[in-house]
Amino acid sequence: MDWSLLGCGANGHVTFAPDEPELRGRLNVTAREGAAWRCLRCGTFVIGEPTSSGPVSAAPRVRRGKELRSAFILRLFAVERFLRAIVFGALAIAIWRFSLSRLSIEAAYDQMLPAVRSLLRELGFNVNHNRLLGLIQHAFKLNPHTLGLLALAAGAYAVIEIIEAVGLWLLKRWGEYFAMIATSIGIPYEIYDLTAKVTWLRLLAFTINVALVVYLVVTKRLFGVRGGKKAYEARLRSASILQAEIDALAAEEATRAEQAAQAEEAAQAEEAAQAEEAAQAEESEQAGEATHAGGAARDHEGARAAALGPHRGQAGQPGPAGAPNQPEQPAAAQTAGLTDRANGPPAPGRAEPGRTDLPRQADTARGPDQPTDAAATNSSAAE
């Protein structure tokens, strides 16, 4: 059974036009017959003007689906509480009236008792063991104070039942708590009453009270059961069509914001990549300039070396003193030459200490036209 459609069939559709443009567009469509607004209970689009409008905070709270079924069950319990209140209220009034005019009632009862007994006998009841007649006779023996307390107790119970019935009928949270607590208090006495004697009336009352307590605790999540009030309200919001549209709109806005953030991050990453490429290009340009400068320096050194080439001595002849690329003579050879000039030539056939005959042989190997090492040295010194 679709309780939402049943509710709309019984009470009519509930449409709402919010002031927020984006949310308003999600609840409104344009049909050939005119504008149609979505019903917040059954979800169908209804042609015509909305039943109410305003900010989304002023939208009507509409029960749908399981909540409508729960409301129907609670109102059945409320009707049963109303009937109890009527019965016990009437009993309280009767006891109070009886306490005020007990003597006249007793006289009327004694006068009518023979006719009542004959009627009960014809109906097949045992008059001598009838419980109702026994209670009436016992009531006549009570004192006025006791009758007043009984009337007060019956009246208080009737008031409690009326409060329960009103709270359950209006589907109020406080009514659910009040009904659950008030009903739970009477369950131990009902159990004791059943242990004394089991009757179908006592059993029916006990079953209704236990069913009400369990139903309220479980389905309404009283006293923190199954997540408590927060979980209960979250379930109500999840079943609401208006709340679903609000959540969908918020999700779309979040998706757009996320996409914008991703696009911004991509743009920043692209800018960073471009900056890095520019830095690498600048480094490459600087490295090329450095390489070009090094090549120019090497070319300059080569040109300078080529310009200084003609001033060097020819092969086998010493160049000018201090000329570049001129091989230096060993210090030992220079000292030997000075010693030879100071002491004169050594004796024939005798080698000078620390010298060999290889230079002399080298001198011998030269032709008569080539100067000796000493002559070359003297020529170099003269220059």
Protein backbone atom coordinates (compact mmCIF):
# COMPACT_ATOMS: atom_id res chain seq x y z
CA MET A 1 0.00 0.00 0.00
CA ASP A 2 1.28 3.44 -0.96
CA TRP A 3 0.59 5.44 2.17
CA SER A 4 1.67 8.67 0.46
CA LEU A 5 -0.96 8.36 -2.25
CA LEU A 6 -3.50 7.32 0.36
CA GLY A 7 -2.69 10.43 2.37
CA CYS A 8 -3.02 12.68 -0.69
CA GLY A 9 -6.30 11.00 -1.59
CA ALA A 10 -7.66 11.61 1.89
CA ASN A 11 -6.23 15.08 2.59
CA GLY A 12 -5.21 16.48 -0.81
CA HIS A 13 -1.83 17.28 -2.33
CA VAL A 14 0.74 19.50 -0.62
CA THR A 15 2.71 21.76 -2.99
CA PHE A 16 5.18 24.46 -2.04
CA ALA A 17 6.93 27.25 -3.99
CA PRO A 18 10.21 28.23 -2.31
CA ASP A 19 11.63 31.72 -2.71
CA GLU A 20 15.09 30.38 -3.67
CA PRO A 21 15.26 30.43 -7.51
CA GLU A 22 17.36 27.28 -7.99
CA LEU A 23 15.25 25.21 -5.61
CA ARG A 24 12.08 26.68 -7.06
CA GLY A 25 13.11 25.48 -10.53
CA ARG A 26 13.59 21.92 -9.23
CA LEU A 27 10.02 21.76 -7.89
CA ASN A 28 8.29 23.39 -10.86
CA VAL A 29 7.72 22.30 -14.47
CA THR A 30 5.83 23.94 -17.29
CA ALA A 31 3.18 21.71 -18.87
CA ARG A 32 0.87 22.39 -21.76
CA GLU A 33 -1.94 23.12 -19.33
CA GLY A 34 0.24 25.50 -17.29
CA ALA A 35 2.69 25.44 -14.42
CA ALA A 36 2.80 22.26 -12.33
CA TRP A 37 4.25 21.93 -8.85
CA ARG A 38 5.56 18.78 -7.24
CA CYS A 39 3.60 17.39 -4.31
CA LEU A 40 5.78 17.06 -1.22
CA ARG A 41 3.85 13.98 -0.07
CA CYS A 42 3.34 11.69 -3.10
CA GLY A 43 5.89 13.29 -5.46
CA THR A 44 3.55 13.83 -8.42
CA PHE A 45 3.35 17.15 -10.28
CA VAL A 46 0.05 18.92 -9.75
CA ILE A 47 -1.14 21.56 -12.23
CA GLY A 48 -2.17 24.82 -10.63
CA GLU A 49 -0.96 27.28 -8.07
CA PRO A 50 1.05 25.96 -5.12
CA THR A 51 -0.77 25.57 -1.83
CA SER A 52 1.89 27.64 -0.03
CA SER A 53 5.07 29.62 -0.74
CA GLY A 54 7.88 31.37 1.09
CA PRO A 55 11.43 30.69 2.24
CA VAL A 56 12.51 27.08 2.49
CA SER A 57 12.58 27.35 6.29
CA ALA A 58 8.81 27.95 6.21
CA ALA A 59 8.05 24.84 4.13
CA PRO A 60 5.43 22.51 5.63
CA ARG A 61 6.67 19.32 7.22
CA VAL A 62 4.94 16.54 5.33
CA ARG A 63 4.91 12.93 6.45
CA ARG A 64 5.32 10.27 3.79
CA GLY A 65 5.39 6.50 3.45
CA LYS A 66 6.21 4.74 6.72
CA GLU A 67 5.65 7.92 8.71
CA LEU A 68 2.03 8.02 7.51
CA ARG A 69 1.58 4.40 8.55
CA SER A 70 3.11 5.17 11.93
CA ALA A 71 0.79 8.18 12.34
CA PHE A 72 -2.20 5.96 11.55
CA ILE A 73 -1.16 3.40 14.18
CA LEU A 74 -0.53 6.06 16.84
CA ARG A 75 -3.93 7.59 16.21
CA LEU A 76 -5.53 4.17 16.69
CA PHE A 77 -3.86 4.03 20.11
CA ALA A 78 -5.09 7.58 20.73
CA VAL A 79 -8.68 6.53 20.02
CA GLU A 80 -8.30 3.61 22.43
CA ARG A 81 -6.98 6.05 25.08
CA PHE A 82 -9.94 8.34 24.48
CA LEU A 83 -12.35 5.44 25.07
CA ARG A 84 -10.56 4.56 28.30
CA ALA A 85 -10.75 8.17 29.42
CA ILE A 86 -14.52 8.22 28.76
CA VAL A 87 -15.10 5.00 30.68
CA PHE A 88 -13.06 5.97 33.72
CA GLY A 89 -14.39 9.52 33.65
CA ALA A 90 -17.95 8.21 33.73
CA LEU A 91 -16.98 5.81 36.53
CA ALA A 92 -15.50 8.66 38.58
CA ILE A 93 -18.69 10.71 38.19
CA ALA A 94 -20.85 7.72 39.11
CA ILE A 95 -18.85 6.97 42.24
CA TRP A 96 -18.95 10.59 43.29
CA ARG A 97 -22.73 10.79 42.78
CA PHE A 98 -23.17 7.51 44.59
CA SER A 99 -21.20 8.77 47.59
CA LEU A 100 -23.50 11.79 47.82
CA SER A 101 -26.79 9.87 47.60
CA ARG A 102 -25.91 6.38 48.70
CA LEU A 103 -28.98 5.87 50.86
CA SER A 104 -31.46 6.75 48.15
CA ILE A 105 -29.58 4.61 45.62
CA GLU A 106 -29.51 1.68 48.02
CA ALA A 107 -33.25 2.02 48.60
CA ALA A 108 -33.88 2.16 44.87
CA TYR A 109 -31.60 -0.85 44.39
CA ASP A 110 -33.45 -2.86 47.00
CA GLN A 111 -36.71 -1.92 45.37
CA MET A 112 -35.52 -2.91 41.89
CA LEU A 113 -33.48 -5.96 42.98
CA PRO A 114 -36.30 -8.57 42.70
CA ALA A 115 -37.05 -7.54 39.12
CA VAL A 116 -33.34 -7.57 38.26
CA ARG A 117 -32.87 -11.01 39.77
CA SER A 118 -35.82 -12.45 37.89
CA LEU A 119 -34.47 -10.99 34.65
CA LEU A 120 -31.03 -12.48 35.27
CA ARG A 121 -32.56 -15.88 36.03
CA GLU A 122 -34.48 -15.80 32.77
CA LEU A 123 -31.26 -14.96 30.94
CA GLY A 124 -29.54 -17.95 32.53
CA PHE A 125 -27.27 -16.18 35.02
CA ASN A 126 -26.72 -17.44 38.54
CA VAL A 127 -27.96 -14.56 40.67
CA ASN A 128 -26.43 -15.83 43.88
CA HIS A 129 -22.87 -15.85 42.39
CA ASN A 130 -23.12 -12.87 40.06
CA ARG A 131 -19.97 -10.69 40.28
CA LEU A 132 -21.69 -7.46 39.26
CA LEU A 133 -24.35 -7.73 41.92
CA GLY A 134 -21.67 -8.62 44.44
CA LEU A 135 -19.71 -5.47 43.62
CA ILE A 136 -22.80 -3.30 43.97
CA GLN A 137 -23.65 -4.77 47.32
CA HIS A 138 -20.03 -4.33 48.44
CA ALA A 139 -20.12 -0.68 47.35
CA PHE A 140 -23.07 -0.02 49.62
CA LYS A 141 -20.94 -1.11 52.56
CA LEU A 142 -18.14 1.41 51.83
CA ASN A 143 -17.88 4.64 53.80
CA PRO A 144 -18.06 8.03 52.04
CA HIS A 145 -14.31 8.73 52.45
CA THR A 146 -13.36 5.54 50.62
CA LEU A 147 -15.84 6.30 47.87
CA GLY A 148 -14.33 9.78 47.48
CA LEU A 149 -10.81 8.31 47.06
CA LEU A 150 -12.08 5.85 44.47
CA ALA A 151 -13.77 8.66 42.53
CA LEU A 152 -10.57 10.73 42.68
CA ALA A 153 -8.42 7.81 41.46
CA ALA A 154 -10.76 7.07 38.55
CA GLY A 155 -10.83 10.74 37.58
CA ALA A 156 -6.98 11.00 37.69
CA TYR A 157 -6.66 7.94 35.49
CA ALA A 158 -9.15 9.45 33.03
CA VAL A 159 -7.08 12.67 32.88
CA ILE A 160 -3.88 10.68 32.22
CA GLU A 161 -5.59 8.82 29.42
CA ILE A 162 -6.81 12.08 27.88
CA ILE A 163 -3.24 13.51 27.91
CA GLU A 164 -1.93 10.34 26.27
CA ALA A 165 -4.67 10.47 23.65
CA VAL A 166 -4.03 14.12 22.79
CA GLY A 167 -0.25 13.66 22.52
CA LEU A 168 -0.58 10.56 20.34
CA TRP A 169 -3.25 12.10 18.11
CA LEU A 170 -1.17 15.23 17.49
CA LEU A 171 1.91 13.03 16.87
CA LYS A 172 4.01 15.00 19.35
CA ARG A 173 7.32 13.79 20.71
CA TRP A 174 6.32 14.63 24.28
CA GLY A 175 3.06 12.68 23.80
CA GLU A 176 5.03 9.60 22.77
CA TYR A 177 7.24 9.82 25.87
CA PHE A 178 4.26 10.47 28.15
CA ALA A 179 2.28 7.56 26.74
CA MET A 180 5.22 5.21 27.00
CA ILE A 181 5.98 6.11 30.64
CA ALA A 182 2.35 6.16 31.82
CA THR A 183 1.61 2.85 30.15
CA SER A 184 4.77 1.21 31.52
CA ILE A 185 3.83 2.16 35.08
CA GLY A 186 0.56 0.21 34.86
CA ILE A 187 2.06 -2.96 33.32
CA PRO A 188 3.29 -4.52 36.62
CA TYR A 189 -0.20 -4.25 38.15
CA GLU A 190 -1.72 -5.79 35.04
CA ILE A 191 0.71 -8.71 35.32
CA TYR A 192 -0.26 -9.19 38.96
CA ASP A 193 -3.92 -9.01 38.02
CA LEU A 194 -3.40 -11.70 35.37
CA THR A 195 -1.68 -13.98 37.88
CA ALA A 196 -4.77 -13.74 40.07
CA LYS A 197 -7.20 -14.49 37.28
CA VAL A 198 -6.96 -14.50 33.50
CA THR A 199 -9.86 -12.95 31.63
CA TRP A 200 -10.12 -11.92 28.03
CA LEU A 201 -10.61 -8.27 29.01
CA ARG A 202 -7.49 -8.20 31.19
CA LEU A 203 -5.49 -10.06 28.57
CA LEU A 204 -6.62 -7.66 25.82
CA ALA A 205 -5.71 -4.58 27.88
CA PHE A 206 -2.31 -6.03 28.78
CA THR A 207 -1.56 -6.88 25.14
CA ILE A 208 -2.48 -3.39 23.92
CA ASN A 209 -0.34 -1.70 26.56
CA VAL A 210 2.74 -3.85 25.90
CA ALA A 211 2.35 -3.38 22.14
CA LEU A 212 2.17 0.39 22.56
CA VAL A 213 5.29 0.53 24.73
CA VAL A 214 7.35 -1.65 22.39
CA TYR A 215 6.14 0.18 19.29
CA LEU A 216 6.95 3.61 20.69
CA VAL A 217 10.41 2.63 21.91
CA VAL A 218 11.43 0.86 18.70
CA THR A 219 9.86 2.94 15.94
CA LYS A 220 10.16 6.36 17.58
CA ARG A 221 13.62 5.59 18.99
CA LEU A 222 12.80 6.77 22.50
CA PHE A 223 15.46 6.99 25.23
CA GLY A 224 18.32 6.72 22.71
CA VAL A 225 17.24 3.38 21.24
CA ARG A 226 18.51 2.85 17.64
CA GLY A 227 20.33 6.17 17.59
CA GLY A 228 17.73 8.21 19.45
CA LYS A 229 16.21 11.47 18.32
CA LYS A 230 19.05 12.39 15.92
CA ALA A 231 18.68 9.14 13.99
CA TYR A 232 14.90 9.53 13.95
CA GLU A 233 15.07 13.08 12.56
CA ALA A 234 17.70 12.00 10.02
CA ARG A 235 15.33 9.30 8.79
CA LEU A 236 12.55 11.87 8.47
CA ARG A 237 14.83 14.17 6.45
CA SER A 238 15.91 11.33 4.19
CA ALA A 239 12.26 10.58 3.38
CA SER A 240 11.44 14.23 2.62
CA ILE A 241 11.17 15.22 -1.05
CA LEU A 242 12.09 18.83 -0.29
CA GLN A 243 15.15 17.79 1.70
CA ALA A 244 16.20 15.44 -1.09
CA GLU A 245 16.06 18.33 -3.58
CA ILE A 246 18.04 20.55 -1.19
CA ASP A 247 20.70 17.85 -0.80
CA ALA A 248 20.87 17.32 -4.58
CA LEU A 249 21.29 21.07 -5.13
CA ALA A 250 24.02 21.23 -2.49
CA ALA A 251 25.77 18.25 -4.11
CA GLU A 252 25.70 19.98 -7.51
CA GLU A 253 27.15 23.14 -6.00
CA ALA A 254 29.85 21.10 -4.28
CA THR A 255 30.66 19.36 -7.58
CA ARG A 256 30.93 22.69 -9.38
CA ALA A 257 33.16 24.06 -6.64
CA GLU A 258 35.36 20.96 -6.82
CA GLN A 259 35.63 21.24 -10.59
CA ALA A 260 36.53 24.93 -10.29
CA ALA A 261 39.19 24.06 -7.71
CA GLN A 262 40.59 21.34 -9.97
CA ALA A 263 40.65 23.76 -12.92
CA GLU A 264 42.47 26.33 -10.80
CA GLU A 265 44.98 23.71 -9.66
CA ALA A 266 45.52 22.65 -13.29
CA ALA A 267 46.07 26.30 -14.30
CA GLN A 268 48.56 26.77 -11.49
CA ALA A 269 50.35 23.56 -12.47
CA GLU A 270 50.48 24.72 -16.08
CA GLU A 271 51.87 28.10 -15.02
CA ALA A 272 54.48 26.35 -12.88
CA ALA A 273 55.44 24.10 -15.83
CA GLN A 274 55.75 27.12 -18.13
CA ALA A 275 57.88 28.91 -15.55
CA GLU A 276 60.09 25.84 -15.24
CA GLU A 277 60.44 25.60 -19.02
CA ALA A 278 61.36 29.30 -19.19
CA ALA A 279 63.98 28.78 -16.45
CA GLN A 280 65.44 25.79 -18.30
CA ALA A 281 65.54 27.79 -21.54
CA GLU A 282 67.31 30.64 -19.76
CA GLU A 283 69.82 28.21 -18.25
CA SER A 284 70.41 26.67 -21.69
CA GLU A 285 70.95 30.15 -23.18
CA GLN A 286 73.40 31.05 -20.44
CA ALA A 287 75.25 27.75 -20.98
CA GLY A 288 75.43 28.51 -24.73
CA GLU A 289 76.78 31.98 -24.08
CA ALA A 290 79.41 30.54 -21.73
CA THR A 291 80.40 27.96 -24.36
CA HIS A 292 80.63 30.68 -27.02
CA ALA A 293 82.79 32.83 -24.71
CA GLY A 294 85.09 29.85 -24.05
CA GLY A 295 85.42 29.19 -27.78
CA ALA A 296 86.24 32.87 -28.41
CA ALA A 297 88.89 32.75 -25.69
CA ARG A 298 90.44 29.66 -27.23
CA ASP A 299 90.43 31.33 -30.66
CA HIS A 300 92.13 34.40 -29.13
CA GLU A 301 94.81 32.23 -27.52
CA GLY A 302 95.37 30.42 -30.81
CA ALA A 303 95.72 33.73 -32.68
CA ARG A 304 98.18 35.00 -30.07
CA ALA A 305 100.22 31.82 -30.30
CA ALA A 306 100.27 32.13 -34.10
CA ALA A 307 101.43 35.77 -33.85
CA LEU A 308 104.31 34.82 -31.54
CA GLY A 309 105.46 31.89 -33.75
CA PRO A 310 107.98 33.75 -36.12
CA HIS A 311 110.03 35.10 -33.16
CA ARG A 312 110.98 31.65 -31.95
CA GLY A 313 114.42 30.11 -32.81
CA GLN A 314 114.73 27.63 -35.62
CA ALA A 315 115.21 23.96 -34.99
CA GLY A 316 118.68 23.17 -33.57
CA GLN A 317 119.47 26.86 -32.77
CA PRO A 318 118.69 28.66 -29.58
CA GLY A 319 116.29 31.59 -29.80
CA PRO A 320 116.64 34.92 -28.10
CA ALA A 321 116.95 35.00 -24.40
CA GLY A 322 113.62 34.99 -22.66
CA ALA A 323 111.79 34.00 -25.88
CA PRO A 324 108.74 31.84 -25.36
CA ASN A 325 108.73 28.13 -26.09
CA GLN A 326 112.54 28.12 -25.77
CA PRO A 327 113.80 24.94 -24.09
CA GLU A 328 115.76 25.62 -20.96
CA GLN A 329 119.07 23.88 -20.46
CA PRO A 330 119.56 21.84 -17.37
CA ALA A 331 121.28 23.58 -14.50
CA ALA A 332 123.96 20.85 -14.41
CA ALA A 333 124.80 21.41 -18.05
CA GLN A 334 125.16 25.17 -17.59
CA THR A 335 127.46 24.65 -14.57
CA ALA A 336 129.55 22.18 -16.53
CA GLY A 337 130.01 24.68 -19.30
CA LEU A 338 131.20 27.38 -16.96
CA THR A 339 133.64 24.96 -15.32
CA ASP A 340 135.07 23.99 -18.69
CA ARG A 341 135.64 27.61 -19.56
CA ALA A 342 137.32 28.35 -16.24
CA ASN A 343 139.70 25.36 -16.09
CA GLY A 344 140.34 24.81 -19.70
CA PRO A 345 139.96 21.67 -21.67
CA PRO A 346 140.72 18.43 -19.88
CA ALA A 347 143.73 16.32 -20.65
CA PRO A 348 143.49 14.17 -23.66
CA GLY A 349 142.30 10.64 -23.03
CA ARG A 350 141.10 11.45 -19.56
CA ALA A 351 137.47 11.87 -18.76
CA GLU A 352 136.36 14.64 -16.52
CA PRO A 353 134.79 13.51 -13.36
CA GLY A 354 131.01 13.50 -13.56
CA ARG A 355 131.04 13.59 -17.33
CA THR A 356 130.95 11.06 -20.08
CA ASP A 357 132.34 10.98 -23.55
CA LEU A 358 128.95 11.06 -25.17
CA PRO A 359 128.89 14.83 -25.73
CA ARG A 360 132.33 14.72 -27.15
CA GLN A 361 131.32 11.92 -29.43
CA ALA A 362 128.31 13.96 -30.39
CA ASP A 363 130.62 16.85 -31.19
CA THR A 364 132.76 14.55 -33.26
CA ALA A 365 129.74 13.39 -35.09
CA ARG A 366 129.01 16.93 -36.23
CA GLY A 367 130.51 18.05 -39.43
CA PRO A 368 133.41 20.47 -39.66
CA ASP A 369 131.05 23.25 -40.61
CA GLN A 370 128.66 22.78 -37.61
CA PRO A 371 129.55 24.64 -34.40
CA THR A 372 130.09 22.77 -31.22
CA ASP A 373 128.02 23.17 -28.09
CA ALA A 374 130.59 25.53 -26.59
CA ALA A 375 130.61 27.64 -29.69
CA ALA A 376 126.82 27.73 -29.69
CA THR A 377 126.88 28.76 -26.06
CA ASN A 378 129.42 31.48 -26.71
CA SER A 379 127.42 32.70 -29.66
CA SER A 380 124.27 32.75 -27.55
CA ALA A 381 126.06 34.66 -24.80
CA ALA A 382 127.46 37.17 -27.32
CA GLU A 383 123.98 37.77 -28.64
